[in-house]
N, C-alpha and C. Protein backbone atom coordinates (compact mmCIF):
# COMPACT_ATOMS: atom_id res chain seq x y z
N MET A 1 41.54 86.06 29.96
CA MET A 1 41.68 87.74 30.72
C MET A 1 42.39 87.72 31.73
N GLU A 2 42.63 89.35 31.04
CA GLU A 2 43.50 90.12 32.47
C GLU A 2 43.22 90.17 33.46
N GLU A 3 43.55 90.37 35.12
CA GLU A 3 43.11 90.54 36.35
C GLU A 3 44.31 91.37 37.09
N LEU A 4 43.90 92.39 37.51
CA LEU A 4 44.57 93.40 38.36
C LEU A 4 43.89 93.23 39.70
N SER A 5 45.27 93.04 40.39
CA SER A 5 45.40 92.73 42.11
C SER A 5 46.22 94.15 42.70
N LEU A 6 45.56 95.25 43.65
CA LEU A 6 46.21 96.18 44.16
C LEU A 6 46.19 95.96 45.78
N ASN A 7 47.34 95.95 46.18
CA ASN A 7 47.11 95.31 47.97
C ASN A 7 48.19 96.67 48.32
N ALA A 8 47.79 97.06 49.36
CA ALA A 8 48.74 97.70 50.38
C ALA A 8 48.57 97.29 51.84
N ASN A 9 49.72 97.45 52.22
CA ASN A 9 49.77 97.24 54.01
C ASN A 9 50.15 98.07 54.70
N TYR A 10 50.04 98.07 55.74
CA TYR A 10 50.73 99.27 56.60
C TYR A 10 50.51 98.68 58.33
N CYS A 11 52.12 98.72 58.46
CA CYS A 11 52.53 98.02 59.91
C CYS A 11 52.85 99.65 60.67
N ASP A 12 51.91 99.30 61.79
CA ASP A 12 52.78 100.39 63.32
C ASP A 12 52.81 99.28 64.00
N THR A 13 53.66 99.94 64.98
CA THR A 13 54.41 99.28 65.79
C THR A 13 54.24 100.17 67.54
N ALA A 14 54.91 99.70 69.01
CA ALA A 14 55.02 100.67 69.39
C ALA A 14 56.14 101.11 70.22
N ASP A 15 56.49 102.03 71.03
CA ASP A 15 58.07 101.52 71.40
C ASP A 15 57.95 100.83 72.20
N ALA A 16 59.30 100.37 72.05
CA ALA A 16 59.97 98.42 72.36
C ALA A 16 60.99 98.81 73.49
N ASP A 17 61.40 97.61 75.17
CA ASP A 17 62.50 97.81 75.00
C ASP A 17 63.03 96.12 75.38
N LYS A 18 64.07 96.17 74.23
CA LYS A 18 64.65 95.16 74.39
C LYS A 18 65.92 94.45 74.61
N GLY A 19 66.26 93.97 75.87
CA GLY A 19 66.94 93.85 76.74
C GLY A 19 67.94 95.16 77.36
N GLY A 20 67.15 96.41 77.18
CA GLY A 20 67.63 97.52 77.98
C GLY A 20 67.71 98.16 77.05
N ALA A 21 68.16 97.95 75.39
CA ALA A 21 67.93 98.72 74.53
C ALA A 21 66.43 99.22 74.16
N TYR A 22 66.20 100.73 74.00
CA TYR A 22 65.23 101.09 73.29
C TYR A 22 64.91 101.62 71.80
N ILE A 23 64.31 100.91 71.54
CA ILE A 23 63.82 100.89 70.27
C ILE A 23 62.71 101.88 70.13
N PRO A 24 62.35 102.79 69.27
CA PRO A 24 61.20 103.79 68.91
C PRO A 24 60.47 103.21 68.58
N ALA A 25 59.09 103.03 68.24
CA ALA A 25 57.89 102.76 67.35
C ALA A 25 58.70 103.64 66.02
N TYR A 26 57.73 103.00 65.19
CA TYR A 26 57.75 103.43 63.86
C TYR A 26 56.16 102.82 63.07
N SER A 27 56.45 102.73 61.78
CA SER A 27 55.17 102.74 60.73
C SER A 27 55.91 102.68 59.40
N LEU A 28 55.38 101.37 58.51
CA LEU A 28 55.90 101.00 57.61
C LEU A 28 54.56 101.30 56.66
N THR A 29 55.01 101.64 55.21
CA THR A 29 53.51 101.53 53.87
C THR A 29 54.12 100.50 52.76
N ASN A 30 53.67 99.15 52.54
CA ASN A 30 54.01 99.15 51.39
C ASN A 30 52.95 98.89 50.24
N LEU A 31 53.56 98.74 49.28
CA LEU A 31 52.46 98.88 47.86
C LEU A 31 52.81 97.14 46.30
N ARG A 32 51.86 96.96 46.30
CA ARG A 32 52.23 96.44 45.36
C ARG A 32 51.28 96.11 44.58
N ALA A 33 51.11 96.16 43.17
CA ALA A 33 50.31 96.24 42.05
C ALA A 33 50.83 94.32 41.16
N ASN A 34 49.59 93.72 41.15
CA ASN A 34 50.05 92.23 40.20
C ASN A 34 49.20 92.71 38.70
N LEU A 35 49.11 92.65 37.77
CA LEU A 35 49.04 91.97 36.70
C LEU A 35 48.93 90.50 36.25
N TYR A 36 47.49 89.80 35.75
CA TYR A 36 47.80 88.59 35.41
C TYR A 36 47.54 88.23 34.18
N ASN A 37 47.96 87.45 33.62
CA ASN A 37 47.22 86.94 32.08
C ASN A 37 47.42 88.16 30.95
N VAL A 38 48.75 88.84 31.05
CA VAL A 38 49.02 89.78 30.64
C VAL A 38 48.74 89.69 28.97
N ALA A 39 47.83 90.39 28.13
CA ALA A 39 47.64 90.33 26.76
C ALA A 39 46.89 88.76 26.83
N ARG A 40 46.11 88.56 27.70
CA ARG A 40 45.67 87.16 27.22
C ARG A 40 46.44 86.13 27.15
N SER A 41 47.62 86.35 27.68
CA SER A 41 48.94 85.53 27.48
C SER A 41 49.76 84.33 28.92
N ASP A 42 50.12 83.67 29.00
CA ASP A 42 50.50 83.21 30.25
C ASP A 42 51.61 83.70 31.20
N PHE A 43 51.94 85.26 31.11
CA PHE A 43 52.62 85.84 31.67
C PHE A 43 52.53 87.09 32.35
N ASP A 44 52.74 87.08 33.82
CA ASP A 44 52.31 88.09 34.78
C ASP A 44 52.97 88.82 35.21
N LEU A 45 53.03 90.38 35.46
CA LEU A 45 53.76 91.07 35.70
C LEU A 45 53.42 91.71 37.30
N ALA A 46 54.15 92.22 38.16
CA ALA A 46 54.04 93.16 38.94
C ALA A 46 55.30 94.36 39.61
N PHE A 47 54.31 95.31 39.90
CA PHE A 47 55.25 96.03 40.73
C PHE A 47 54.95 95.89 41.77
N TYR A 48 56.50 96.84 42.73
CA TYR A 48 56.06 96.50 44.49
C TYR A 48 56.91 97.94 44.92
N VAL A 49 56.87 98.66 45.88
CA VAL A 49 57.34 99.56 46.39
C VAL A 49 57.43 98.86 48.06
N ASN A 50 58.31 98.94 48.58
CA ASN A 50 58.66 98.51 50.23
C ASN A 50 58.60 99.48 50.73
N ASN A 51 57.92 100.05 52.01
CA ASN A 51 58.67 100.90 52.88
C ASN A 51 58.69 102.35 52.44
N VAL A 52 57.58 102.72 51.80
CA VAL A 52 57.01 103.57 50.81
C VAL A 52 57.73 105.08 50.95
N PHE A 53 57.55 105.82 52.22
CA PHE A 53 58.06 106.86 52.90
C PHE A 53 59.25 106.44 53.39
N ASP A 54 60.09 105.91 52.92
CA ASP A 54 61.67 105.19 53.55
C ASP A 54 62.28 105.66 54.61
N LYS A 55 61.40 105.42 55.41
CA LYS A 55 61.95 105.78 57.09
C LYS A 55 62.58 104.40 57.74
N GLY A 56 63.37 105.12 58.16
CA GLY A 56 64.55 104.51 59.35
C GLY A 56 63.80 103.63 60.64
N TYR A 57 64.63 102.73 60.44
CA TYR A 57 63.63 102.23 61.55
C TYR A 57 64.91 101.00 62.17
N ALA A 58 64.60 100.72 63.32
CA ALA A 58 65.96 99.85 64.21
C ALA A 58 64.46 98.69 64.69
N LEU A 59 64.79 97.04 63.99
CA LEU A 59 64.31 96.22 64.24
C LEU A 59 64.54 95.19 65.77
N SER A 60 65.48 95.66 66.20
CA SER A 60 65.92 94.95 67.19
C SER A 60 67.41 95.67 67.84
N SER A 61 68.16 94.90 68.75
CA SER A 61 69.17 95.45 69.36
C SER A 61 70.00 94.30 69.17
N CYS A 62 71.40 94.48 69.07
CA CYS A 62 72.41 93.47 69.16
C CYS A 62 72.83 93.11 70.55
N ILE A 63 72.21 91.73 71.40
CA ILE A 63 72.82 91.59 72.76
C ILE A 63 74.35 91.60 72.87
N SER A 64 75.01 90.71 71.20
CA SER A 64 76.63 90.83 71.84
C SER A 64 77.36 92.06 71.88
N SER A 65 76.64 93.15 71.71
CA SER A 65 77.24 94.53 71.52
C SER A 65 77.35 95.15 73.64
N ARG A 66 76.05 94.74 73.74
CA ARG A 66 76.00 95.42 75.29
C ARG A 66 76.95 94.92 76.19
N SER A 67 77.62 93.27 76.10
CA SER A 67 78.81 93.06 76.93
C SER A 67 80.60 94.05 76.79
N LEU A 68 79.83 94.61 75.48
CA LEU A 68 81.45 95.46 75.72
C LEU A 68 80.96 97.00 75.83
N GLY A 69 79.75 97.15 76.20
CA GLY A 69 80.06 98.51 76.73
C GLY A 69 78.97 99.15 76.08
N PHE A 70 78.55 99.00 74.95
CA PHE A 70 77.70 99.70 74.14
C PHE A 70 76.06 99.06 73.29
N ASP A 71 75.04 99.71 73.04
CA ASP A 71 74.01 99.61 73.05
C ASP A 71 74.29 100.18 71.62
N SER A 72 73.92 98.43 70.28
CA SER A 72 73.95 98.71 68.89
C SER A 72 72.13 98.10 68.50
N LEU A 73 71.98 98.66 66.90
CA LEU A 73 70.70 98.20 66.93
C LEU A 73 70.66 97.60 65.24
N VAL A 74 69.75 96.80 65.11
CA VAL A 74 69.74 96.21 63.50
C VAL A 74 68.71 97.00 63.24
N TYR A 75 68.64 97.52 61.85
CA TYR A 75 67.98 98.15 61.15
C TYR A 75 67.46 97.47 60.01
N GLY A 76 65.78 98.22 59.71
CA GLY A 76 66.07 97.67 58.81
C GLY A 76 65.64 98.52 57.00
N ALA A 77 65.03 97.62 56.27
CA ALA A 77 65.80 98.35 55.04
C ALA A 77 65.19 99.37 54.74
N PRO A 78 65.91 99.86 53.62
CA PRO A 78 65.16 101.64 52.83
C PRO A 78 64.22 100.95 51.88
N ARG A 79 63.71 102.19 51.37
CA ARG A 79 62.77 102.13 50.70
C ARG A 79 63.57 101.04 49.14
N LEU A 80 62.37 99.85 49.19
CA LEU A 80 63.16 98.72 48.11
C LEU A 80 61.79 99.00 46.90
N TRP A 81 61.72 99.13 45.52
CA TRP A 81 61.14 98.93 44.59
C TRP A 81 61.83 98.35 43.64
N GLY A 82 60.52 97.74 42.28
CA GLY A 82 60.75 96.67 41.63
C GLY A 82 59.65 96.51 41.21
N LYS A 83 60.03 95.21 39.77
CA LYS A 83 59.13 94.49 39.38
C LYS A 83 59.84 93.33 39.13
N GLU A 84 58.48 92.65 38.64
CA GLU A 84 58.78 90.65 38.56
C GLU A 84 58.19 90.41 37.83
N ALA A 85 57.99 89.70 36.76
CA ALA A 85 57.43 88.93 35.53
C ALA A 85 58.11 87.54 35.72
N ARG A 86 56.75 86.98 35.54
CA ARG A 86 56.40 85.34 35.67
C ARG A 86 55.89 84.83 34.61
N TYR A 87 56.15 83.79 34.00
CA TYR A 87 55.74 82.92 33.21
C TYR A 87 54.65 81.64 33.61
N ASN A 88 53.72 80.96 33.59
CA ASN A 88 53.06 79.75 33.96
C ASN A 88 53.61 78.92 32.87
N LEU A 89 53.86 78.38 33.51
CA LEU A 89 54.26 76.72 32.48
C LEU A 89 52.59 76.04 31.81
N ASN A 90 51.86 76.42 32.97
CA ASN A 90 50.42 75.69 32.10
C ASN A 90 50.94 73.62 31.85
N ILE A 91 51.40 73.03 32.68
CA ILE A 91 51.39 71.64 32.11
C ILE A 91 50.39 71.08 31.80
N ASP A 92 49.43 71.25 32.35
CA ASP A 92 47.99 70.59 32.42
C ASP A 92 47.07 70.42 30.77
N ARG A 93 47.70 71.48 30.18
CA ARG A 93 47.04 72.15 28.86
C ARG A 93 47.43 70.90 28.14
């Protein structure tokens, strides 16, 4: 029997000061749909989108650049979408 699973998650952060470097607040939204036992088979399919609204956001600062006299930030991934397919071997059958 096919089974559908829908997932959404939302992450909201506050402004931060990491080692003297200012990191602004950001919000991220991710979506995922899983379909298990496609057409009553052992195949599963999934479709996902991470960072749905393609927000640019800093995760942390690079402390090594501070000694060179400037601040640099490590940024998070841009929007990413994809699909997955999986086959369940079900060896116990």
